[in-house]
Amino acid sequence: MASSSAAASSSSAQPSSSSPAANTPLLATGDWTKSLIQLAKTAELKKHALTLQLHTAHILSAHAALEQKNKAIQDLKEQKNKLESERQRLLNCLREVNEDRDKADIQEATLNKEVNDLQHKIKTISEGEYAVAKQDVDRLRQELGQPPLPSLQTTLEEKSAEYLEALRLQAETSNPSTGTKRAGEELAGDGQPVKRPRGRPKGSKNSKSKSKTASTPGPSTGGAPSA
């Protein structure tokens, strides 16, 4: 009886140890698998997003530098255009100066030639026909008891003095402010005439003596009568 119960218990324990539930592995099922996949994709997205942000920052920095370079190039082009315009203007000025200088050289050469021709003409006449005529006139005047004519140099000096005096008078006529300066000095700031101080001005005694000396007639050196 005991042996039969032991056999039955052993026979009943053997099928329980070889049940299919004890040999089947545990598997994640349902929403748990999707959550793991979602987490992996999210981590990968963050990684690529960080890389994209880094590249975007590099592109924006390079784009800002590019805009600065383009602006600098535009500024240099404008400056170059201004310099080119200034260069053309200066070249035109230089060309005009060179033309004026060439004209001045031509005029100078022409005037020098005319001066040389006139000097040669004066020398030829003064040493030739003028000298002969002057000798004849002086000889005849001496025979008539008249003094000789002044020399050619004296005549030229007198003509030069007359020419300079005419230029001085012309300059004074064209600039009348020098003549009205003294009259303007005698008026005060409010237009009232300024009273002159009484008494003898300083140095008037010497000026009178000088004027008397200057008014004393000296030996006359009048020009000789013409032929």
Protein backbone atom coordinates (compact mmCIF):
# COMPACT_ATOMS: atom_id res chain seq x y z
CA MET A 1 0.00 0.00 0.00
CA ALA A 2 2.82 2.42 0.80
CA SER A 3 4.70 1.51 -2.33
CA SER A 4 1.72 2.18 -4.49
CA SER A 5 1.20 5.63 -2.96
CA ALA A 6 4.88 6.56 -3.51
CA ALA A 7 4.68 5.52 -7.11
CA ALA A 8 1.58 7.57 -7.59
CA SER A 9 3.19 10.60 -6.03
CA SER A 10 6.28 10.22 -8.19
CA SER A 11 4.18 9.81 -11.28
CA SER A 12 2.20 12.94 -10.39
CA ALA A 13 5.33 15.01 -9.69
CA GLN A 14 7.02 14.16 -13.00
CA PRO A 15 4.48 15.81 -15.30
CA SER A 16 4.49 18.98 -13.15
CA SER A 17 8.23 19.48 -13.60
CA SER A 18 7.98 19.18 -17.38
CA SER A 19 5.10 21.74 -17.84
CA PRO A 20 5.32 24.21 -20.85
CA ALA A 21 4.93 27.34 -18.62
CA ALA A 22 8.23 26.68 -16.89
CA ASN A 23 10.23 26.50 -20.22
CA THR A 24 8.71 29.61 -22.10
CA PRO A 25 10.91 32.90 -21.92
CA LEU A 26 9.47 36.22 -20.77
CA LEU A 27 8.83 38.71 -23.68
CA ALA A 28 7.84 42.39 -23.54
CA THR A 29 4.52 42.74 -25.15
CA GLY A 30 2.11 45.55 -25.82
CA ASP A 31 3.01 49.34 -25.32
CA TRP A 32 6.36 48.65 -23.62
CA THR A 33 8.07 47.83 -26.94
CA LYS A 34 6.77 50.95 -28.61
CA SER A 35 8.04 53.08 -25.70
CA LEU A 36 11.57 51.71 -26.05
CA ILE A 37 11.58 52.39 -29.77
CA GLN A 38 10.23 55.91 -29.16
CA LEU A 39 12.98 56.61 -26.61
CA ALA A 40 15.70 55.45 -28.99
CA LYS A 41 14.37 57.60 -31.81
CA THR A 42 14.07 60.59 -29.47
CA ALA A 43 17.71 60.23 -28.40
CA GLU A 44 18.80 59.99 -32.01
CA LEU A 45 16.67 63.06 -32.89
CA LYS A 46 18.30 65.08 -30.14
CA LYS A 47 21.72 64.08 -31.39
CA HIS A 48 20.95 65.11 -34.98
CA ALA A 49 19.21 68.29 -33.77
CA LEU A 50 22.33 69.35 -31.87
CA THR A 51 24.45 68.68 -34.96
CA LEU A 52 22.01 70.68 -37.09
CA GLN A 53 22.09 73.60 -34.65
CA LEU A 54 25.87 73.59 -34.71
CA HIS A 55 25.95 73.65 -38.51
CA THR A 56 23.26 76.34 -38.55
CA ALA A 57 25.35 78.52 -36.21
CA HIS A 58 28.38 78.08 -38.48
CA ILE A 59 26.31 78.99 -41.54
CA LEU A 60 24.86 82.09 -39.84
CA SER A 61 28.31 83.21 -38.72
CA ALA A 62 29.73 82.68 -42.21
CA HIS A 63 26.74 84.51 -43.72
CA ALA A 64 27.31 87.52 -41.43
CA ALA A 65 31.00 87.56 -42.36
CA LEU A 66 30.00 87.30 -46.03
CA GLU A 67 27.70 90.33 -45.71
CA GLN A 68 30.51 92.31 -44.07
CA LYS A 69 32.93 91.34 -46.81
CA ASN A 70 30.41 92.28 -49.51
CA LYS A 71 29.81 95.64 -47.83
CA ALA A 72 33.57 96.22 -47.60
CA ILE A 73 33.91 95.34 -51.30
CA GLN A 74 31.10 97.78 -52.16
CA ASP A 75 32.75 100.52 -50.11
CA LEU A 76 36.07 99.87 -51.82
CA LYS A 77 34.39 100.05 -55.23
CA GLU A 78 32.82 103.40 -54.35
CA GLN A 79 36.14 104.68 -53.04
CA LYS A 80 37.85 103.40 -56.18
CA ASN A 81 35.31 105.19 -58.36
CA LYS A 82 35.89 108.42 -56.45
CA LEU A 83 39.65 108.01 -56.76
CA GLU A 84 39.30 107.30 -60.45
CA SER A 85 37.20 110.45 -60.91
CA GLU A 86 39.76 112.46 -58.96
CA ARG A 87 42.52 110.89 -61.03
CA GLN A 88 40.80 111.85 -64.27
CA ARG A 89 40.26 115.39 -62.99
CA LEU A 90 43.90 115.72 -61.99
CA LEU A 91 45.02 114.26 -65.32
CA ASN A 92 42.86 116.81 -67.12
CA CYS A 93 44.32 119.57 -64.96
CA LEU A 94 47.81 118.29 -65.67
CA ARG A 95 47.07 118.18 -69.38
CA GLU A 96 45.78 121.77 -69.30
CA VAL A 97 48.83 122.86 -67.30
CA ASN A 98 51.13 121.20 -69.82
CA GLU A 99 49.27 122.86 -72.68
CA ASP A 100 49.50 126.26 -70.98
CA ARG A 101 53.17 125.66 -70.26
CA ASP A 102 53.81 124.78 -73.91
CA LYS A 103 51.96 127.92 -74.98
CA ALA A 104 54.01 129.98 -72.53
CA ASP A 105 57.21 128.43 -73.87
CA ILE A 106 56.17 129.29 -77.42
CA GLN A 107 55.25 132.85 -76.43
CA GLU A 108 58.52 133.23 -74.53
CA ALA A 109 60.50 132.00 -77.50
CA THR A 110 58.58 134.36 -79.80
CA LEU A 111 59.12 137.33 -77.50
CA ASN A 112 62.80 136.53 -77.09
CA LYS A 113 63.16 136.43 -80.85
CA GLU A 114 61.32 139.74 -81.20
CA VAL A 115 63.51 141.27 -78.47
CA ASN A 116 66.66 140.07 -80.18
CA ASP A 117 65.43 141.40 -83.51
CA LEU A 118 64.59 144.78 -81.99
CA GLN A 119 67.94 144.98 -80.19
CA HIS A 120 69.72 144.12 -83.43
CA LYS A 121 67.65 146.72 -85.28
CA ILE A 122 68.39 149.39 -82.65
CA LYS A 123 72.09 148.59 -82.75
CA THR A 124 72.17 148.62 -86.55
CA ILE A 125 70.37 151.98 -86.83
CA SER A 126 72.20 153.65 -83.93
CA GLU A 127 75.60 152.61 -85.22
CA GLY A 128 74.73 153.26 -88.86
CA GLU A 129 72.28 155.82 -90.21
CA TYR A 130 71.57 157.44 -86.84
CA ALA A 131 75.27 158.00 -86.11
CA VAL A 132 75.84 159.59 -89.52
CA ALA A 133 72.75 161.81 -89.22
CA LYS A 134 73.68 162.79 -85.65
CA GLN A 135 77.16 163.83 -86.73
CA ASP A 136 75.75 165.94 -89.56
CA VAL A 137 73.20 167.63 -87.29
CA ASP A 138 75.77 168.32 -84.55
CA ARG A 139 78.21 169.73 -87.10
CA LEU A 140 75.64 172.04 -88.61
CA ARG A 141 74.40 173.17 -85.19
CA GLN A 142 77.98 173.88 -84.16
CA GLU A 143 78.48 175.97 -87.28
CA LEU A 144 75.32 177.87 -86.39
CA GLY A 145 76.49 178.39 -82.84
CA GLN A 146 73.97 176.00 -81.28
CA PRO A 147 74.78 173.32 -78.72
CA PRO A 148 74.73 169.70 -79.86
CA LEU A 149 71.70 167.54 -79.38
CA PRO A 150 71.56 165.26 -76.30
CA SER A 151 72.86 161.77 -76.75
CA LEU A 152 70.66 158.83 -77.63
CA GLN A 153 71.05 157.38 -74.12
CA THR A 154 69.79 160.62 -72.57
CA THR A 155 66.76 160.64 -74.85
CA LEU A 156 65.96 157.03 -74.00
CA GLU A 157 66.22 157.72 -70.27
CA GLU A 158 63.85 160.70 -70.59
CA LYS A 159 61.34 158.58 -72.51
CA SER A 160 61.55 155.85 -69.87
CA ALA A 161 60.95 158.35 -67.08
CA GLU A 162 57.92 159.76 -68.93
CA TYR A 163 56.56 156.24 -69.42
CA LEU A 164 56.96 155.36 -65.75
CA GLU A 165 55.31 158.63 -64.70
CA ALA A 166 52.35 157.91 -66.98
CA LEU A 167 52.00 154.44 -65.44
CA ARG A 168 52.06 155.92 -61.93
CA LEU A 169 49.37 158.47 -62.77
CA GLN A 170 47.26 155.77 -64.38
CA ALA A 171 47.55 153.59 -61.27
CA GLU A 172 46.55 156.48 -59.00
CA THR A 173 43.58 157.25 -61.23
CA SER A 174 42.38 153.63 -61.20
CA ASN A 175 42.78 153.42 -57.38
CA PRO A 176 41.32 156.63 -55.90
CA SER A 177 41.21 155.22 -52.34
CA THR A 178 44.70 156.56 -51.65
CA GLY A 179 43.53 160.12 -52.31
CA THR A 180 40.52 159.88 -49.96
CA LYS A 181 42.39 158.16 -47.15
CA ARG A 182 43.47 161.40 -45.48
CA ALA A 183 39.97 162.88 -45.67
CA GLY A 184 38.56 159.73 -44.05
CA GLU A 185 41.08 159.89 -41.25
CA GLU A 186 39.89 163.36 -40.23
CA LEU A 187 36.40 162.08 -39.37
CA ALA A 188 35.59 160.48 -36.04
CA GLY A 189 33.68 157.24 -35.63
CA ASP A 190 30.32 159.10 -35.37
CA GLY A 191 30.99 161.12 -38.54
CA GLN A 192 31.97 164.32 -36.68
CA PRO A 193 35.15 166.07 -37.76
CA VAL A 194 38.12 165.64 -35.47
CA LYS A 195 39.66 168.84 -34.11
CA ARG A 196 43.32 169.18 -34.93
CA PRO A 197 45.64 170.19 -32.08
CA ARG A 198 46.79 173.79 -32.11
CA GLY A 199 50.37 174.83 -32.19
CA ARG A 200 53.25 174.25 -34.50
CA PRO A 201 53.56 170.64 -35.59
CA LYS A 202 56.70 168.86 -34.55
CA GLY A 203 59.49 169.24 -37.08
CA SER A 204 57.83 172.08 -38.98
CA LYS A 205 60.82 174.36 -38.44
CA ASN A 206 63.15 171.96 -40.16
CA SER A 207 60.66 171.38 -42.95
CA LYS A 208 60.44 175.13 -43.62
CA SER A 209 64.20 175.42 -43.84
CA LYS A 210 64.29 172.46 -46.16
CA SER A 211 61.57 173.95 -48.34
CA LYS A 212 63.46 177.23 -48.58
CA THR A 213 66.59 175.41 -49.60
CA ALA A 214 64.69 173.44 -52.19
CA SER A 215 63.03 176.57 -53.61
CA THR A 216 66.39 178.28 -54.17
CA PRO A 217 66.97 178.28 -57.98
CA GLY A 218 70.07 176.42 -59.09
CA PRO A 219 71.96 176.47 -62.33
CA SER A 220 69.54 175.60 -65.10
CA THR A 221 70.24 172.60 -67.25
CA GLY A 222 67.60 173.17 -69.79
CA GLY A 223 67.52 171.00 -72.87
CA ALA A 224 69.08 172.23 -76.03
CA PRO A 225 66.81 173.49 -78.77
CA SER A 226 66.00 171.00 -81.41
CA ALA A 227 67.30 171.29 -84.92
